[in-house]
C-alpha atoms as a PDB file:
ATOM      1  CA  MET A   1     -12.945 -77.084 -20.057  1.00  0.00           C
ATOM      2  CA  GLN A   2     -10.825 -74.798 -17.957  1.00  0.00           C
ATOM      3  CA  LYS A   3      -8.407 -76.239 -15.454  1.00  0.00           C
ATOM      4  CA  PRO A   4     -10.052 -76.125 -11.992  1.00  0.00           C
ATOM      5  CA  LEU A   5      -8.583 -73.943  -9.245  1.00  0.00           C
ATOM      6  CA  ARG A   6      -9.178 -76.580  -6.570  1.00  0.00           C
ATOM      7  CA  HIS A   7      -9.549 -80.342  -6.499  1.00  0.00           C
ATOM      8  CA  ILE A   8     -11.232 -82.061  -3.568  1.00  0.00           C
ATOM      9  CA  LEU A   9     -10.359 -85.713  -3.005  1.00  0.00           C
ATOM     10  CA  VAL A  10     -12.804 -87.691  -0.881  1.00  0.00           C
ATOM     11  CA  CYS A  11     -11.537 -91.006   0.461  1.00  0.00           C
ATOM     12  CA  GLY A  12     -13.747 -93.892  -0.587  1.00  0.00           C
ATOM     13  CA  SER A  13     -11.399 -96.354   1.161  1.00  0.00           C
ATOM     14  CA  PHE A  14     -11.659 -98.982  -1.543  1.00  0.00           C
ATOM     15  CA  ARG A  15      -8.823-101.438  -1.966  1.00  0.00           C
ATOM     16  CA  MET A  16      -7.516-102.893  -5.218  1.00  0.00           C
ATOM     17  CA  ASN A  17      -9.887-105.859  -5.009  1.00  0.00           C
ATOM     18  CA  GLY A  18     -12.845-103.452  -4.825  1.00  0.00           C
ATOM     19  CA  SER A  19     -13.882-104.151  -1.260  1.00  0.00           C
ATOM     20  CA  PRO A  20     -14.540-101.211   1.070  1.00  0.00           C
ATOM     21  CA  GLN A  21     -12.155-101.012   4.001  1.00  0.00           C
ATOM     22  CA  GLY A  22     -11.295 -98.618   6.773  1.00  0.00           C
ATOM     23  CA  VAL A  23     -13.584 -96.041   8.272  1.00  0.00           C
ATOM     24  CA  CYS A  24     -14.092 -93.629   5.371  1.00  0.00           C
ATOM     25  CA  ALA A  25     -16.602 -95.671   3.364  1.00  0.00           C
ATOM     26  CA  LYS A  26     -18.147 -97.079   6.509  1.00  0.00           C
ATOM     27  CA  GLY A  27     -18.299 -93.538   7.943  1.00  0.00           C
ATOM     28  CA  GLY A  28     -20.421 -92.287   5.070  1.00  0.00           C
ATOM     29  CA  SER A  29     -17.913 -90.527   2.820  1.00  0.00           C
ATOM     30  CA  GLY A  30     -19.800 -91.679  -0.269  1.00  0.00           C
ATOM     31  CA  GLN A  31     -23.078 -90.251   0.952  1.00  0.00           C
ATOM     32  CA  LEU A  32     -21.454 -86.888   1.672  1.00  0.00           C
ATOM     33  CA  LEU A  33     -20.241 -86.554  -1.931  1.00  0.00           C
ATOM     34  CA  GLN A  34     -23.665 -85.452  -3.141  1.00  0.00           C
ATOM     35  CA  TYR A  35     -23.989 -82.886  -0.353  1.00  0.00           C
ATOM     36  CA  LEU A  36     -20.525 -81.549  -1.152  1.00  0.00           C
ATOM     37  CA  GLN A  37     -21.393 -81.218  -4.851  1.00  0.00           C
ATOM     38  CA  GLU A  38     -24.645 -79.418  -4.005  1.00  0.00           C
ATOM     39  CA  GLU A  39     -22.874 -77.003  -1.647  1.00  0.00           C
ATOM     40  CA  LEU A  40     -20.278 -76.112  -4.265  1.00  0.00           C
ATOM     41  CA  SER A  41     -23.014 -75.561  -6.838  1.00  0.00           C
ATOM     42  CA  ASP A  42     -25.180 -73.500  -4.465  1.00  0.00           C
ATOM     43  CA  ARG A  43     -22.206 -71.244  -3.746  1.00  0.00           C
ATOM     44  CA  GLY A  44     -21.303 -70.880  -7.415  1.00  0.00           C
ATOM     45  CA  MET A  45     -17.938 -72.570  -6.971  1.00  0.00           C
ATOM     46  CA  VAL A  46     -17.693 -73.941 -10.506  1.00  0.00           C
ATOM     47  CA  ASP A  47     -13.886 -73.881 -10.429  1.00  0.00           C
ATOM     48  CA  VAL A  48     -13.722 -76.730  -7.871  1.00  0.00           C
ATOM     49  CA  VAL A  49     -13.935 -80.407  -8.845  1.00  0.00           C
ATOM     50  CA  ILE A  50     -14.480 -83.469  -6.664  1.00  0.00           C
ATOM     51  CA  SER A  51     -13.089 -86.978  -7.009  1.00  0.00           C
ATOM     52  CA  SER A  52     -13.651 -90.067  -4.930  1.00  0.00           C
ATOM     53  CA  THR A  53     -10.412 -91.926  -4.294  1.00  0.00           C
ATOM     54  CA  SER A  54      -9.178 -95.236  -3.088  1.00  0.00           C
ATOM     55  CA  CYS A  55      -7.667 -95.405   0.400  1.00  0.00           C
ATOM     56  CA  LEU A  56      -5.755 -92.268   1.451  1.00  0.00           C
ATOM     57  CA  LYS A  57      -4.094 -94.222   4.295  1.00  0.00           C
ATOM     58  CA  VAL A  58      -5.294 -92.028   7.174  1.00  0.00           C
ATOM     59  CA  CYS A  59      -7.870 -94.550   8.374  1.00  0.00           C
ATOM     60  CA  ASP A  60      -7.465 -93.579  12.021  1.00  0.00           C
ATOM     61  CA  ARG A  61      -8.666 -90.072  11.106  1.00  0.00           C
ATOM     62  CA  GLY A  62     -11.309 -90.870   8.507  1.00  0.00           C
ATOM     63  CA  PRO A  63     -13.495 -90.110   6.780  1.00  0.00           C
ATOM     64  CA  ALA A  64     -10.819 -88.020   5.095  1.00  0.00           C
ATOM     65  CA  VAL A  65     -10.863 -85.230   2.511  1.00  0.00           C
ATOM     66  CA  VAL A  66      -7.916 -83.534   0.790  1.00  0.00           C
ATOM     67  CA  VAL A  67      -8.005 -80.131  -0.940  1.00  0.00           C
ATOM     68  CA  TYR A  68      -5.437 -79.404  -3.639  1.00  0.00           C
ATOM     69  CA  PRO A  69      -3.411 -77.407  -4.507  1.00  0.00           C
ATOM     70  CA  ASP A  70      -3.556 -76.188  -0.887  1.00  0.00           C
ATOM     71  CA  ASN A  71      -2.541 -79.650   0.386  1.00  0.00           C
ATOM     72  CA  TRP A  72      -5.036 -79.425   3.249  1.00  0.00           C
ATOM     73  CA  TRP A  73      -5.814 -82.829   4.742  1.00  0.00           C
ATOM     74  CA  PHE A  74      -9.006 -82.975   6.772  1.00  0.00           C
ATOM     75  CA  GLY A  75     -10.131 -85.808   9.018  1.00  0.00           C
ATOM     76  CA  HIS A  76     -13.302 -86.922  10.769  1.00  0.00           C
ATOM     77  CA  ILE A  77     -15.428 -85.513   7.933  1.00  0.00           C
ATOM     78  CA  ASP A  78     -18.630 -87.324   8.774  1.00  0.00           C
ATOM     79  CA  SER A  79     -21.326 -84.650   8.728  1.00  0.00           C
ATOM     80  CA  GLU A  80     -22.775 -81.835   6.664  1.00  0.00           C
ATOM     81  CA  GLU A  81     -21.309 -79.424   9.244  1.00  0.00           C
ATOM     82  CA  ALA A  82     -17.819 -80.745   8.480  1.00  0.00           C
ATOM     83  CA  ILE A  83     -18.393 -80.415   4.719  1.00  0.00           C
ATOM     84  CA  ASP A  84     -19.607 -76.834   5.245  1.00  0.00           C
ATOM     85  CA  ALA A  85     -16.378 -76.069   7.131  1.00  0.00           C
ATOM     86  CA  ILE A  86     -14.274 -77.379   4.239  1.00  0.00           C
ATOM     87  CA  VAL A  87     -16.210 -75.385   1.650  1.00  0.00           C
ATOM     88  CA  GLU A  88     -15.854 -72.273   3.801  1.00  0.00           C
ATOM     89  CA  SER A  89     -12.110 -72.979   4.024  1.00  0.00           C
ATOM     90  CA  ILE A  90     -11.862 -72.869   0.268  1.00  0.00           C
ATOM     91  CA  GLU A  91     -13.856 -69.637   0.132  1.00  0.00           C
ATOM     92  CA  THR A  92     -11.771 -67.887   2.801  1.00  0.00           C
ATOM     93  CA  GLY A  93      -8.382 -69.388   1.988  1.00  0.00           C
ATOM     94  CA  GLU A  94      -7.911 -70.533   5.602  1.00  0.00           C
ATOM     95  CA  PRO A  95      -8.192 -74.211   6.556  1.00  0.00           C
ATOM     96  CA  ALA A  96     -10.825 -75.307   9.063  1.00  0.00           C
ATOM     97  CA  THR A  97      -8.484 -76.095  11.951  1.00  0.00           C
ATOM     98  CA  LYS A  98     -11.103 -78.187  13.760  1.00  0.00           C
ATOM     99  CA  TYR A  99     -10.796 -80.861  11.048  1.00  0.00           C
ATOM    100  CA  LEU A 100      -7.236 -80.288   9.853  1.00  0.00           C
ATOM    101  CA  ILE A 101      -4.891 -83.269  10.028  1.00  0.00           C
ATOM    102  CA  ALA A 102      -1.543 -81.999  11.293  1.00  0.00           C
END
């Protein structure tokens, strides 16, 4: 396997004891994972991988997504439209400012 060019981290807001907390899991971040994977596949972006994480500690701006190595932190990612904006960011190399956490 080749090393991916990008890694997308999607906050699952799970704590050490396994219970969901915060707004990311409750805001549907888990359900958006499948849509994100399908979008990447449909666009032929095989050099991007996705991981669900524990709490990213930006609960007031969740659901949250981080794109590395760009270090783009996105908040309020709670729709397919928001996921599309992130995928387009990766394609263009410019972050979707509407969702960017400053």
